C-alpha atoms as a PDB file:
ATOM      1  CA  MET A   1       6.886  27.934   2.679  1.00  0.00           C
ATOM      2  CA  ASN A   2       5.801  28.557   6.276  1.00  0.00           C
ATOM      3  CA  GLU A   3       8.710  28.563   8.692  1.00  0.00           C
ATOM      4  CA  LEU A   4       7.134  26.012  11.002  1.00  0.00           C
ATOM      5  CA  ILE A   5       6.659  23.623   8.112  1.00  0.00           C
ATOM      6  CA  ASN A   6      10.381  23.965   7.303  1.00  0.00           C
ATOM      7  CA  ILE A   7      11.300  23.286  11.035  1.00  0.00           C
ATOM      8  CA  MET A   8       9.046  20.171  10.987  1.00  0.00           C
ATOM      9  CA  ALA A   9      10.701  19.030   7.752  1.00  0.00           C
ATOM     10  CA  ASN A  10      14.182  19.434   9.312  1.00  0.00           C
ATOM     11  CA  ASP A  11      13.100  17.507  12.430  1.00  0.00           C
ATOM     12  CA  MET A  12      11.982  14.596  10.294  1.00  0.00           C
ATOM     13  CA  ASN A  13      14.873  14.883   7.793  1.00  0.00           C
ATOM     14  CA  ILE A  14      12.552  15.496   4.857  1.00  0.00           C
ATOM     15  CA  ARG A  15      13.982  17.601   2.027  1.00  0.00           C
ATOM     16  CA  PRO A  16      12.273  18.748  -1.195  1.00  0.00           C
ATOM     17  CA  TYR A  17      13.294  17.075  -4.377  1.00  0.00           C
ATOM     18  CA  THR A  18      14.625  19.203  -7.188  1.00  0.00           C
ATOM     19  CA  ASN A  19      11.997  21.757  -8.260  1.00  0.00           C
ATOM     20  CA  GLU A  20       9.356  20.264  -6.038  1.00  0.00           C
ATOM     21  CA  PRO A  21       6.324  22.569  -5.871  1.00  0.00           C
ATOM     22  CA  ALA A  22       5.765  24.082  -2.459  1.00  0.00           C
ATOM     23  CA  GLU A  23       2.284  22.552  -2.132  1.00  0.00           C
ATOM     24  CA  TYR A  24       3.685  19.009  -2.819  1.00  0.00           C
ATOM     25  CA  PHE A  25       6.438  19.436  -0.289  1.00  0.00           C
ATOM     26  CA  GLY A  26       4.199  20.960   2.334  1.00  0.00           C
ATOM     27  CA  TYR A  27       1.781  18.050   1.886  1.00  0.00           C
ATOM     28  CA  ARG A  28       4.559  15.526   2.381  1.00  0.00           C
ATOM     29  CA  VAL A  29       5.706  17.170   5.606  1.00  0.00           C
ATOM     30  CA  ILE A  30       2.129  17.503   6.972  1.00  0.00           C
ATOM     31  CA  TYR A  31       1.393  13.826   6.092  1.00  0.00           C
ATOM     32  CA  SER A  32       4.468  12.508   7.922  1.00  0.00           C
ATOM     33  CA  ALA A  33       3.938  14.921  10.889  1.00  0.00           C
ATOM     34  CA  LEU A  34       0.384  13.605  11.297  1.00  0.00           C
ATOM     35  CA  GLY A  35       1.865  10.117  11.424  1.00  0.00           C
ATOM     36  CA  LEU A  36       4.301  11.117  14.147  1.00  0.00           C
ATOM     37  CA  TRP A  37       1.579  12.718  16.233  1.00  0.00           C
ATOM     38  CA  CYS A  38      -0.557   9.575  15.848  1.00  0.00           C
ATOM     39  CA  LEU A  39       2.287   7.466  17.314  1.00  0.00           C
ATOM     40  CA  LYS A  40       3.225   9.970  20.068  1.00  0.00           C
ATOM     41  CA  SER A  41      -0.331  10.300  21.225  1.00  0.00           C
ATOM     42  CA  ALA A  42      -0.319   6.564  21.984  1.00  0.00           C
ATOM     43  CA  LEU A  43       2.386   7.137  24.629  1.00  0.00           C
ATOM     44  CA  SER A  44      -0.143   8.961  26.749  1.00  0.00           C
ATOM     45  CA  GLU A  45      -0.832   7.813  30.289  1.00  0.00           C
ATOM     46  CA  LYS A  46      -3.600   9.501  32.346  1.00  0.00           C
ATOM     47  CA  GLU A  47      -5.401   8.331  35.497  1.00  0.00           C
ATOM     48  CA  ASN A  48      -3.650   5.016  35.318  1.00  0.00           C
ATOM     49  CA  LYS A  49      -4.852   4.473  31.755  1.00  0.00           C
ATOM     50  CA  ARG A  50      -2.272   3.752  29.172  1.00  0.00           C
ATOM     51  CA  GLY A  51      -2.626   4.977  25.625  1.00  0.00           C
ATOM     52  CA  VAL A  52      -5.407   6.951  23.958  1.00  0.00           C
ATOM     53  CA  SER A  53      -8.855   6.116  22.755  1.00  0.00           C
ATOM     54  CA  LYS A  54      -9.270   5.570  19.010  1.00  0.00           C
ATOM     55  CA  ASN A  55     -11.874   8.355  18.967  1.00  0.00           C
ATOM     56  CA  ALA A  56      -9.619  10.770  20.718  1.00  0.00           C
ATOM     57  CA  GLN A  57      -6.745   9.880  18.418  1.00  0.00           C
ATOM     58  CA  SER A  58      -8.877  10.504  15.345  1.00  0.00           C
ATOM     59  CA  ILE A  59     -10.112  13.872  16.691  1.00  0.00           C
ATOM     60  CA  LEU A  60      -6.498  14.944  17.462  1.00  0.00           C
ATOM     61  CA  LEU A  61      -5.260  14.177  13.956  1.00  0.00           C
ATOM     62  CA  HIS A  62      -8.325  15.800  12.373  1.00  0.00           C
ATOM     63  CA  ASP A  63      -7.802  18.948  14.347  1.00  0.00           C
ATOM     64  CA  LEU A  64      -4.091  19.011  13.630  1.00  0.00           C
ATOM     65  CA  SER A  65      -4.700  18.544   9.893  1.00  0.00           C
ATOM     66  CA  LYS A  66      -6.867  21.598   9.818  1.00  0.00           C
ATOM     67  CA  LYS A  67      -4.266  23.677  11.736  1.00  0.00           C
ATOM     68  CA  TYR A  68      -1.440  22.498   9.413  1.00  0.00           C
ATOM     69  CA  ILE A  69      -3.502  23.438   6.370  1.00  0.00           C
ATOM     70  CA  GLU A  70      -3.769  26.987   7.805  1.00  0.00           C
ATOM     71  CA  LEU A  71       0.034  27.040   7.688  1.00  0.00           C
ATOM     72  CA  CYS A  72       0.127  25.653   4.103  1.00  0.00           C
ATOM     73  CA  PRO A  73      -3.194  26.260   2.407  1.00  0.00           C
ATOM     74  CA  MET A  74      -1.909  25.084  -0.968  1.00  0.00           C
ATOM     75  CA  ALA A  75      -1.638  21.519   0.407  1.00  0.00           C
ATOM     76  CA  LYS A  76      -5.404  21.367   1.223  1.00  0.00           C
ATOM     77  CA  HIS A  77      -6.389  19.271  -1.781  1.00  0.00           C
ATOM     78  CA  PHE A  78      -3.761  16.689  -0.933  1.00  0.00           C
ATOM     79  CA  VAL A  79      -4.684  16.272   2.754  1.00  0.00           C
ATOM     80  CA  PHE A  80      -8.398  16.289   2.099  1.00  0.00           C
ATOM     81  CA  ALA A  81      -8.114  14.363  -1.183  1.00  0.00           C
ATOM     82  CA  SER A  82     -10.708  11.718  -0.542  1.00  0.00           C
ATOM     83  CA  ARG A  83     -14.461  12.186  -0.022  1.00  0.00           C
ATOM     84  CA  ASN A  84     -14.761   8.693   1.336  1.00  0.00           C
ATOM     85  CA  THR A  85     -11.850   8.401   3.719  1.00  0.00           C
ATOM     86  CA  ASN A  86     -10.754  10.758   6.498  1.00  0.00           C
ATOM     87  CA  ILE A  87      -6.974  11.151   6.682  1.00  0.00           C
ATOM     88  CA  ALA A  88      -7.068  10.808  10.512  1.00  0.00           C
ATOM     89  CA  VAL A  89      -8.814   7.411  10.383  1.00  0.00           C
ATOM     90  CA  PHE A  90      -6.670   6.349   7.421  1.00  0.00           C
ATOM     91  CA  ILE A  91      -3.414   7.023   9.282  1.00  0.00           C
ATOM     92  CA  ARG A  92      -4.575   5.477  12.518  1.00  0.00           C
ATOM     93  CA  ASN A  93      -5.780   2.323  10.667  1.00  0.00           C
ATOM     94  CA  ILE A  94      -2.378   1.958   8.826  1.00  0.00           C
ATOM     95  CA  TYR A  95      -0.493   1.961  12.139  1.00  0.00           C
ATOM     96  CA  GLU A  96      -2.925  -0.456  13.694  1.00  0.00           C
ATOM     97  CA  GLN A  97      -2.617  -2.897  10.814  1.00  0.00           C
ATOM     98  CA  THR A  98       1.239  -2.717  10.598  1.00  0.00           C
ATOM     99  CA  GLY A  99       1.798  -3.238  14.302  1.00  0.00           C
ATOM    100  CA  TYR A 100       2.924   0.246  15.342  1.00  0.00           C
ATOM    101  CA  LEU A 101      -0.282   0.534  17.487  1.00  0.00           C
ATOM    102  CA  LEU A 102      -1.625  -2.140  19.751  1.00  0.00           C
ATOM    103  CA  THR A 103      -5.295  -1.964  20.652  1.00  0.00           C
ATOM    104  CA  LEU A 104      -6.283  -2.860  24.209  1.00  0.00           C
ATOM    105  CA  ASP A 105      -9.504  -4.436  25.391  1.00  0.00           C
ATOM    106  CA  ASN A 106     -10.866  -0.988  26.295  1.00  0.00           C
ATOM    107  CA  ASN A 107     -10.452   0.156  22.617  1.00  0.00           C
ATOM    108  CA  TYR A 108      -7.402   2.263  23.604  1.00  0.00           C
ATOM    109  CA  ASN A 109      -4.295   2.334  21.340  1.00  0.00           C
ATOM    110  CA  VAL A 110      -0.861   2.055  22.840  1.00  0.00           C
ATOM    111  CA  LEU A 111       2.421   2.424  21.058  1.00  0.00           C
ATOM    112  CA  ASN A 112       4.234  -0.839  20.268  1.00  0.00           C
ATOM    113  CA  ASN A 113       7.690   0.312  21.357  1.00  0.00           C
ATOM    114  CA  SER A 114       9.289  -3.079  21.035  1.00  0.00           C
ATOM    115  CA  GLY A 115      12.009  -1.755  18.741  1.00  0.00           C
ATOM    116  CA  GLU A 116      11.678  -4.545  16.181  1.00  0.00           C
ATOM    117  CA  THR A 117      13.286  -3.585  12.871  1.00  0.00           C
ATOM    118  CA  ILE A 118      12.742  -4.680   9.192  1.00  0.00           C
ATOM    119  CA  LYS A 119      15.627  -4.287   6.760  1.00  0.00           C
ATOM    120  CA  VAL A 120      14.528  -2.119   3.836  1.00  0.00           C
ATOM    121  CA  SER A 121      17.900  -1.305   2.245  1.00  0.00           C
ATOM    122  CA  GLU A 122      21.626  -1.945   2.726  1.00  0.00           C
ATOM    123  CA  ALA A 123      21.754   0.630   5.558  1.00  0.00           C
ATOM    124  CA  ASP A 124      18.184   1.382   6.491  1.00  0.00           C
ATOM    125  CA  TYR A 125      15.674  -0.340   8.772  1.00  0.00           C
ATOM    126  CA  LEU A 126      11.952   0.229   9.379  1.00  0.00           C
ATOM    127  CA  TYR A 127      11.612   0.727  13.086  1.00  0.00           C
ATOM    128  CA  LEU A 128       8.496  -0.415  15.019  1.00  0.00           C
ATOM    129  CA  GLY A 129       8.149   2.256  17.627  1.00  0.00           C
ATOM    130  CA  LEU A 130       9.802   5.632  18.170  1.00  0.00           C
ATOM    131  CA  PRO A 131      13.512   5.676  18.712  1.00  0.00           C
ATOM    132  CA  GLU A 132      14.760   8.214  21.165  1.00  0.00           C
ATOM    133  CA  THR A 133      17.237   9.712  18.664  1.00  0.00           C
ATOM    134  CA  CYS A 134      18.578   9.390  15.122  1.00  0.00           C
ATOM    135  CA  TYR A 135      15.586   8.568  13.045  1.00  0.00           C
ATOM    136  CA  ILE A 136      14.009   9.862   9.806  1.00  0.00           C
ATOM    137  CA  VAL A 137      10.541   9.650   8.495  1.00  0.00           C
ATOM    138  CA  ASN A 138       9.655   8.189   5.053  1.00  0.00           C
ATOM    139  CA  GLY A 139       5.903   8.509   4.395  1.00  0.00           C
ATOM    140  CA  LEU A 140       4.434   6.998   7.535  1.00  0.00           C
ATOM    141  CA  GLY A 141       7.476   4.769   8.279  1.00  0.00           C
ATOM    142  CA  ILE A 142       9.936   5.460  11.009  1.00  0.00           C
ATOM    143  CA  HIS A 143      13.496   4.546   9.710  1.00  0.00           C
ATOM    144  CA  CYS A 144      16.749   4.126  11.491  1.00  0.00           C
ATOM    145  CA  ARG A 145      20.280   2.931  10.729  1.00  0.00           C
ATOM    146  CA  ASN A 146      20.627   0.355  13.405  1.00  0.00           C
ATOM    147  CA  GLY A 147      18.925  -3.032  12.979  1.00  0.00           C
ATOM    148  CA  ARG A 148      18.069  -4.885  16.211  1.00  0.00           C
ATOM    149  CA  HIS A 149      15.364  -7.428  16.976  1.00  0.00           C
ATOM    150  CA  GLU A 150      15.252  -7.919  13.242  1.00  0.00           C
ATOM    151  CA  VAL A 151      12.012  -9.323  11.745  1.00  0.00           C
ATOM    152  CA  LYS A 152      11.917 -10.823   8.241  1.00  0.00           C
ATOM    153  CA  LEU A 153      10.047  -8.740   5.764  1.00  0.00           C
ATOM    154  CA  ASN A 154       7.613 -11.592   4.766  1.00  0.00           C
ATOM    155  CA  ASP A 155       6.796 -12.066   8.484  1.00  0.00           C
ATOM    156  CA  PHE A 156       6.029  -8.342   8.778  1.00  0.00           C
ATOM    157  CA  LEU A 157       3.788  -8.460   5.708  1.00  0.00           C
ATOM    158  CA  VAL A 158       2.314 -11.853   6.640  1.00  0.00           C
ATOM    159  CA  ARG A 159       3.190 -12.841   3.054  1.00  0.00           C
ATOM    160  CA  ASP A 160       3.857 -16.411   1.817  1.00  0.00           C
ATOM    161  CA  SER A 161       6.878 -17.137  -0.376  1.00  0.00           C
ATOM    162  CA  LEU A 162       5.004 -18.567  -3.365  1.00  0.00           C
ATOM    163  CA  THR A 163       6.154 -17.503  -6.859  1.00  0.00           C
ATOM    164  CA  PRO A 164       3.427 -16.248  -9.246  1.00  0.00           C
ATOM    165  CA  GLU A 165       3.406 -19.620 -10.976  1.00  0.00           C
ATOM    166  CA  GLU A 166       3.129 -21.585  -7.693  1.00  0.00           C
ATOM    167  CA  TYR A 167       0.378 -19.232  -6.570  1.00  0.00           C
ATOM    168  CA  LEU A 168      -1.572 -19.962  -9.808  1.00  0.00           C
ATOM    169  CA  LYS A 169      -1.135 -23.759  -9.387  1.00  0.00           C
ATOM    170  CA  VAL A 170      -2.772 -23.485  -5.988  1.00  0.00           C
ATOM    171  CA  LYS A 171      -5.606 -21.238  -7.256  1.00  0.00           C
ATOM    172  CA  TYR A 172      -6.237 -23.264 -10.430  1.00  0.00           C
ATOM    173  CA  ASP A 173      -6.095 -26.827  -9.105  1.00  0.00           C
ATOM    174  CA  GLU A 174      -8.596 -28.584 -11.346  1.00  0.00           C
ATOM    175  CA  CYS A 175      -9.760 -30.704  -8.417  1.00  0.00           C
ATOM    176  CA  ASP A 176     -11.472 -27.590  -6.997  1.00  0.00           C
ATOM    177  CA  PHE A 177     -13.376 -26.878 -10.219  1.00  0.00           C
ATOM    178  CA  ASP A 178     -16.509 -28.294 -11.820  1.00  0.00           C
ATOM    179  CA  GLU A 179     -18.921 -27.638 -14.623  1.00  0.00           C
ATOM    180  CA  ARG A 180     -21.744 -25.228 -13.853  1.00  0.00           C
ATOM    181  CA  ASP A 181     -25.104 -24.472 -15.416  1.00  0.00           C
ATOM    182  CA  ILE A 182     -24.034 -20.835 -16.100  1.00  0.00           C
ATOM    183  CA  ASN A 183     -25.054 -18.904 -19.160  1.00  0.00           C
ATOM    184  CA  VAL A 184     -21.773 -17.837 -20.704  1.00  0.00           C
ATOM    185  CA  GLU A 185     -23.456 -14.957 -22.444  1.00  0.00           C
ATOM    186  CA  GLU A 186     -24.117 -13.358 -19.003  1.00  0.00           C
ATOM    187  CA  LEU A 187     -20.416 -13.314 -18.104  1.00  0.00           C
ATOM    188  CA  GLU A 188     -17.516 -11.026 -18.558  1.00  0.00           C
ATOM    189  CA  PHE A 189     -14.023 -12.552 -18.598  1.00  0.00           C
ATOM    190  CA  PHE A 190     -10.787 -10.975 -17.461  1.00  0.00           C
ATOM    191  CA  ASN A 191      -8.392 -10.605 -20.355  1.00  0.00           C
ATOM    192  CA  PRO A 192      -4.806 -11.084 -19.172  1.00  0.00           C
ATOM    193  CA  PHE A 193      -3.452 -10.005 -22.550  1.00  0.00           C
ATOM    194  CA  TYR A 194      -5.076  -6.587 -22.399  1.00  0.00           C
ATOM    195  CA  TYR A 195      -2.359  -3.989 -21.833  1.00  0.00           C
ATOM    196  CA  GLY A 196      -4.507  -1.296 -20.139  1.00  0.00           C
ATOM    197  CA  ASN A 197      -5.853  -1.080 -16.636  1.00  0.00           C
ATOM    198  CA  VAL A 198      -7.735  -3.874 -14.842  1.00  0.00           C
ATOM    199  CA  TYR A 199     -10.999  -1.852 -14.957  1.00  0.00           C
ATOM    200  CA  ASN A 200     -11.086  -2.073 -18.724  1.00  0.00           C
ATOM    201  CA  SER A 201      -9.730  -5.616 -18.931  1.00  0.00           C
ATOM    202  CA  TRP A 202     -13.177  -7.313 -18.780  1.00  0.00           C
ATOM    203  CA  HIS A 203     -14.519  -8.640 -22.110  1.00  0.00           C
ATOM    204  CA  ARG A 204     -17.433 -10.808 -23.309  1.00  0.00           C
ATOM    205  CA  TYR A 205     -15.289 -13.556 -24.703  1.00  0.00           C
ATOM    206  CA  ILE A 206     -12.746 -15.735 -22.896  1.00  0.00           C
ATOM    207  CA  LYS A 207      -9.202 -15.144 -24.155  1.00  0.00           C
ATOM    208  CA  SER A 208      -7.112 -17.508 -22.002  1.00  0.00           C
ATOM    209  CA  ASN A 209      -7.221 -20.970 -20.445  1.00  0.00           C
ATOM    210  CA  MET A 210      -6.997 -19.569 -16.881  1.00  0.00           C
ATOM    211  CA  THR A 211      -8.908 -16.466 -15.976  1.00  0.00           C
ATOM    212  CA  MET A 212     -11.618 -14.816 -13.932  1.00  0.00           C
ATOM    213  CA  ALA A 213     -15.290 -14.279 -14.787  1.00  0.00           C
ATOM    214  CA  ARG A 214     -18.079 -12.190 -13.361  1.00  0.00           C
ATOM    215  CA  LYS A 215     -21.731 -11.489 -13.923  1.00  0.00           C
ATOM    216  CA  SER A 216     -21.378  -7.812 -12.967  1.00  0.00           C
ATOM    217  CA  MET A 217     -18.902  -5.529 -11.141  1.00  0.00           C
ATOM    218  CA  THR A 218     -20.601  -6.459  -7.895  1.00  0.00           C
ATOM    219  CA  GLY A 219     -20.302 -10.201  -8.606  1.00  0.00           C
ATOM    220  CA  PRO A 220     -20.565 -13.078  -8.296  1.00  0.00           C
ATOM    221  CA  TYR A 221     -16.906 -13.787  -9.402  1.00  0.00           C
ATOM    222  CA  TYR A 222     -15.531 -17.137 -10.516  1.00  0.00           C
ATOM    223  CA  ARG A 223     -12.165 -18.551 -11.305  1.00  0.00           C
ATOM    224  CA  VAL A 224     -12.346 -20.306 -14.642  1.00  0.00           C
ATOM    225  CA  ILE A 225     -10.377 -23.041 -16.425  1.00  0.00           C
ATOM    226  CA  ARG A 226     -10.912 -23.644 -20.167  1.00  0.00           C
ATOM    227  CA  LYS A 227     -10.064 -27.199 -21.113  1.00  0.00           C
ATOM    228  CA  ASP A 228      -8.686 -28.316 -24.428  1.00  0.00           C
ATOM    229  CA  ASP A 229     -12.087 -29.186 -25.785  1.00  0.00           C
ATOM    230  CA  GLY A 230     -13.511 -25.789 -24.805  1.00  0.00           C
ATOM    231  CA  THR A 231     -15.346 -26.928 -21.685  1.00  0.00           C
ATOM    232  CA  LEU A 232     -15.418 -24.291 -18.917  1.00  0.00           C
ATOM    233  CA  LEU A 233     -14.867 -25.312 -15.377  1.00  0.00           C
ATOM    234  CA  TYR A 234     -15.716 -22.919 -12.466  1.00  0.00           C
ATOM    235  CA  THR A 235     -15.129 -22.362  -8.824  1.00  0.00           C
ATOM    236  CA  ASP A 236     -16.418 -19.468  -6.707  1.00  0.00           C
ATOM    237  CA  ASP A 237     -13.930 -16.828  -5.887  1.00  0.00           C
ATOM    238  CA  ASN A 238     -14.494 -15.210  -2.502  1.00  0.00           C
ATOM    239  CA  SER A 239     -13.214 -11.617  -2.797  1.00  0.00           C
ATOM    240  CA  ALA A 240     -15.032 -10.283   0.252  1.00  0.00           C
ATOM    241  CA  ASP A 241     -11.908  -9.719   2.352  1.00  0.00           C
ATOM    242  CA  GLU A 242     -11.417  -6.622   4.550  1.00  0.00           C
ATOM    243  CA  LEU A 243     -10.278  -3.923   2.250  1.00  0.00           C
ATOM    244  CA  ASP A 244      -8.742  -1.851   5.152  1.00  0.00           C
ATOM    245  CA  ALA A 245      -6.765  -4.744   6.626  1.00  0.00           C
ATOM    246  CA  LEU A 246      -3.072  -5.469   5.948  1.00  0.00           C
ATOM    247  CA  THR A 247      -4.161  -8.806   4.397  1.00  0.00           C
ATOM    248  CA  GLY A 248      -6.967  -7.137   2.455  1.00  0.00           C
ATOM    249  CA  ALA A 249      -7.478  -6.700  -1.278  1.00  0.00           C
ATOM    250  CA  GLU A 250      -5.665  -9.980  -1.847  1.00  0.00           C
ATOM    251  CA  PHE A 251      -7.864 -10.776  -4.845  1.00  0.00           C
ATOM    252  CA  ARG A 252      -5.741  -8.260  -6.728  1.00  0.00           C
ATOM    253  CA  ARG A 253      -2.781 -10.648  -6.464  1.00  0.00           C
ATOM    254  CA  LEU A 254      -4.581 -13.061  -8.787  1.00  0.00           C
ATOM    255  CA  TYR A 255      -4.812 -10.540 -11.537  1.00  0.00           C
ATOM    256  CA  VAL A 256      -1.192  -9.663 -11.182  1.00  0.00           C
ATOM    257  CA  ALA A 257      -0.187 -13.343 -11.383  1.00  0.00           C
ATOM    258  CA  LEU A 258      -2.381 -13.999 -14.410  1.00  0.00           C
ATOM    259  CA  ARG A 259      -0.885 -11.081 -16.321  1.00  0.00           C
ATOM    260  CA  ASN A 260       2.540 -12.325 -15.421  1.00  0.00           C
ATOM    261  CA  HIS A 261       1.759 -15.874 -16.560  1.00  0.00           C
ATOM    262  CA  TYR A 262       0.637 -14.655 -19.993  1.00  0.00           C
ATOM    263  CA  ASP A 263       3.796 -12.571 -20.505  1.00  0.00           C
ATOM    264  CA  ASN A 264       1.944  -9.258 -20.006  1.00  0.00           C
ATOM    265  CA  PRO A 265       3.007  -8.293 -16.484  1.00  0.00           C
ATOM    266  CA  MET A 266       1.739  -5.268 -14.629  1.00  0.00           C
ATOM    267  CA  GLN A 267       4.579  -2.790 -14.302  1.00  0.00           C
ATOM    268  CA  ILE A 268       6.361  -0.579 -11.774  1.00  0.00           C
ATOM    269  CA  LEU A 269       8.064   2.384 -13.270  1.00  0.00           C
ATOM    270  CA  VAL A 270      11.072   3.734 -11.303  1.00  0.00           C
ATOM    271  CA  CYS A 271      11.631   7.246 -12.396  1.00  0.00           C
ATOM    272  CA  PRO A 272      14.806   8.955 -10.936  1.00  0.00           C
ATOM    273  CA  ILE A 273      14.265  12.587  -9.982  1.00  0.00           C
ATOM    274  CA  ASP A 274      17.588  13.708  -8.411  1.00  0.00           C
ATOM    275  CA  GLU A 275      20.356  12.327  -6.206  1.00  0.00           C
ATOM    276  CA  GLU A 276      17.957  11.714  -3.354  1.00  0.00           C
ATOM    277  CA  TYR A 277      14.508  10.892  -4.653  1.00  0.00           C
ATOM    278  CA  SER A 278      12.704   8.854  -7.283  1.00  0.00           C
ATOM    279  CA  TYR A 279       9.117   8.743  -8.481  1.00  0.00           C
ATOM    280  CA  ILE A 280       7.376   5.331  -8.494  1.00  0.00           C
ATOM    281  CA  ARG A 281       4.358   4.761 -10.762  1.00  0.00           C
ATOM    282  CA  ILE A 282       2.326   1.575 -10.407  1.00  0.00           C
ATOM    283  CA  LEU A 283       0.728   0.374 -13.651  1.00  0.00           C
ATOM    284  CA  GLY A 284      -1.597  -2.091 -12.060  1.00  0.00           C
ATOM    285  CA  GLN A 285      -3.313  -2.819  -8.729  1.00  0.00           C
ATOM    286  CA  LEU A 286      -1.567  -3.554  -5.451  1.00  0.00           C
ATOM    287  CA  PRO A 287      -2.733  -5.980  -2.771  1.00  0.00           C
ATOM    288  CA  ASN A 288      -2.730  -4.272   0.648  1.00  0.00           C
ATOM    289  CA  ARG A 289       0.394  -5.996   1.837  1.00  0.00           C
ATOM    290  CA  GLU A 290       2.493  -4.413  -0.899  1.00  0.00           C
ATOM    291  CA  TYR A 291       0.530  -1.159  -0.687  1.00  0.00           C
ATOM    292  CA  PHE A 292       1.053  -0.831   3.082  1.00  0.00           C
ATOM    293  CA  TYR A 293       4.765  -1.620   2.531  1.00  0.00           C
ATOM    294  CA  LEU A 294       4.973   1.384   0.190  1.00  0.00           C
ATOM    295  CA  LEU A 295       3.183   3.612   2.771  1.00  0.00           C
ATOM    296  CA  MET A 296       5.907   2.656   5.250  1.00  0.00           C
ATOM    297  CA  ASN A 297       8.613   3.755   2.794  1.00  0.00           C
ATOM    298  CA  ALA A 298       7.238   6.475   0.592  1.00  0.00           C
ATOM    299  CA  TRP A 299       4.801   9.339   0.224  1.00  0.00           C
ATOM    300  CA  PRO A 300       1.648   8.949  -1.951  1.00  0.00           C
ATOM    301  CA  ARG A 301       2.169  11.629  -4.469  1.00  0.00           C
ATOM    302  CA  TYR A 302      -1.317  13.007  -5.309  1.00  0.00           C
ATOM    303  CA  GLY A 303      -2.953  12.813  -1.956  1.00  0.00           C
ATOM    304  CA  PHE A 304      -2.904  10.400   0.986  1.00  0.00           C
ATOM    305  CA  SER A 305      -5.281   7.932  -0.724  1.00  0.00           C
ATOM    306  CA  ASP A 306      -3.243   7.616  -3.971  1.00  0.00           C
ATOM    307  CA  ARG A 307      -2.397   3.926  -4.487  1.00  0.00           C
ATOM    308  CA  SER A 308      -0.457   4.316  -7.749  1.00  0.00           C
ATOM    309  CA  ASN A 309       2.102   7.157  -7.456  1.00  0.00           C
ATOM    310  CA  PHE A 310       4.787   7.535  -4.861  1.00  0.00           C
ATOM    311  CA  ILE A 311       7.806   9.690  -3.999  1.00  0.00           C
ATOM    312  CA  ILE A 312      10.589   7.532  -2.510  1.00  0.00           C
ATOM    313  CA  ARG A 313      14.230   7.893  -1.501  1.00  0.00           C
ATOM    314  CA  ASN A 314      16.545   6.256  -4.020  1.00  0.00           C
ATOM    315  CA  GLU A 315      18.012   3.724  -1.650  1.00  0.00           C
ATOM    316  CA  LEU A 316      14.559   2.233  -1.027  1.00  0.00           C
ATOM    317  CA  THR A 317      13.681   1.575  -4.736  1.00  0.00           C
ATOM    318  CA  VAL A 318      15.703  -1.697  -5.006  1.00  0.00           C
ATOM    319  CA  GLN A 319      13.715  -3.605  -2.363  1.00  0.00           C
ATOM    320  CA  THR A 320      10.442  -2.046  -3.515  1.00  0.00           C
ATOM    321  CA  ALA A 321      11.023  -3.472  -7.023  1.00  0.00           C
ATOM    322  CA  GLU A 322      11.951  -6.840  -5.548  1.00  0.00           C
ATOM    323  CA  ILE A 323       8.825  -6.957  -3.349  1.00  0.00           C
ATOM    324  CA  LEU A 324       6.495  -6.266  -6.209  1.00  0.00           C
ATOM    325  CA  GLY A 325       8.426  -8.548  -8.440  1.00  0.00           C
ATOM    326  CA  THR A 326       7.824 -11.483  -6.178  1.00  0.00           C
ATOM    327  CA  ILE A 327       4.070 -11.302  -6.832  1.00  0.00           C
ATOM    328  CA  GLY A 328       4.454 -10.774 -10.594  1.00  0.00           C
ATOM    329  CA  PHE A 329       5.163  -7.147 -11.337  1.00  0.00           C
ATOM    330  CA  ALA A 330       7.974  -6.219 -13.767  1.00  0.00           C
ATOM    331  CA  ALA A 331      10.125  -3.140 -12.936  1.00  0.00           C
ATOM    332  CA  ARG A 332      11.571  -0.828 -15.561  1.00  0.00           C
ATOM    333  CA  LYS A 333      13.180   2.568 -15.563  1.00  0.00           C
ATOM    334  CA  GLY A 334      10.946   5.533 -16.430  1.00  0.00           C
ATOM    335  CA  GLU A 335      11.198   9.289 -16.857  1.00  0.00           C
ATOM    336  CA  PHE A 336      10.082  11.942 -14.346  1.00  0.00           C
ATOM    337  CA  TYR A 337       8.387  14.881 -15.948  1.00  0.00           C
ATOM    338  CA  GLY A 338       7.630  16.851 -12.872  1.00  0.00           C
END
């Protein structure tokens, strides 16, 4: 491992897990270092202008990522893992959406150094800003031991407190549904009893009294109620939210809740690695609120755009399981095979 990578790791208090391959560890260090540079660049002040332009910020991170890969070439396929998303834009957007960066009218980003904290374990707090001393980096999150100006987690995530059943009652209120002149043979129905992934959960025949239907992958989509006499009631389901926003991909919550209701919950596997780290595997799909929460506490394992696999410190697994449990996931212990 390059000596500079090791120095960066020590500065951020990032240690390899037992038998962690060098390319995995190098990627985790580079990923978190790019996050720190993104935040520090927003402290800039030149010619009476505070902050940094979004374009300049993206260029900085892009150039740094190439230089870091020169130090650790084995990590290249992690850092440049996505053909559709640039890691520089990805990191900048995450910080904008989670409140680390504030965008001014001139499209400049400035650091939100308010020092607000969100409790994430018995002793750890997510810190909004950059503390002067005594912090560690987990994924893209800045963590400290002192909680001040504490913000409730649900407020940080802009998440309601509805249980999965309460959420379904809101979404499947029969008053919002009506009969439609729709050819059932043209529809595919989401099967909440199917154990596999959501992509393969669409079948030609309806299997449950509450579900989703679609004419194709691109839509239109409907929420559907099947009455006791077999009559189908429909309402349009607007899934066109902003996929890059903190509140985006919220339609996935409905699939999580439906699986939970029919006793086939999507799962989170917590797989202990050693005394410091665990591996988290998501068997399902995350709405962005919960996904962004993980990005503030863990490292995506197979590249920065991985939404299903994470390396996380052990003390942060408890709240992670709780957060996903509140929307309908079931947590269980798994095995880590390297």
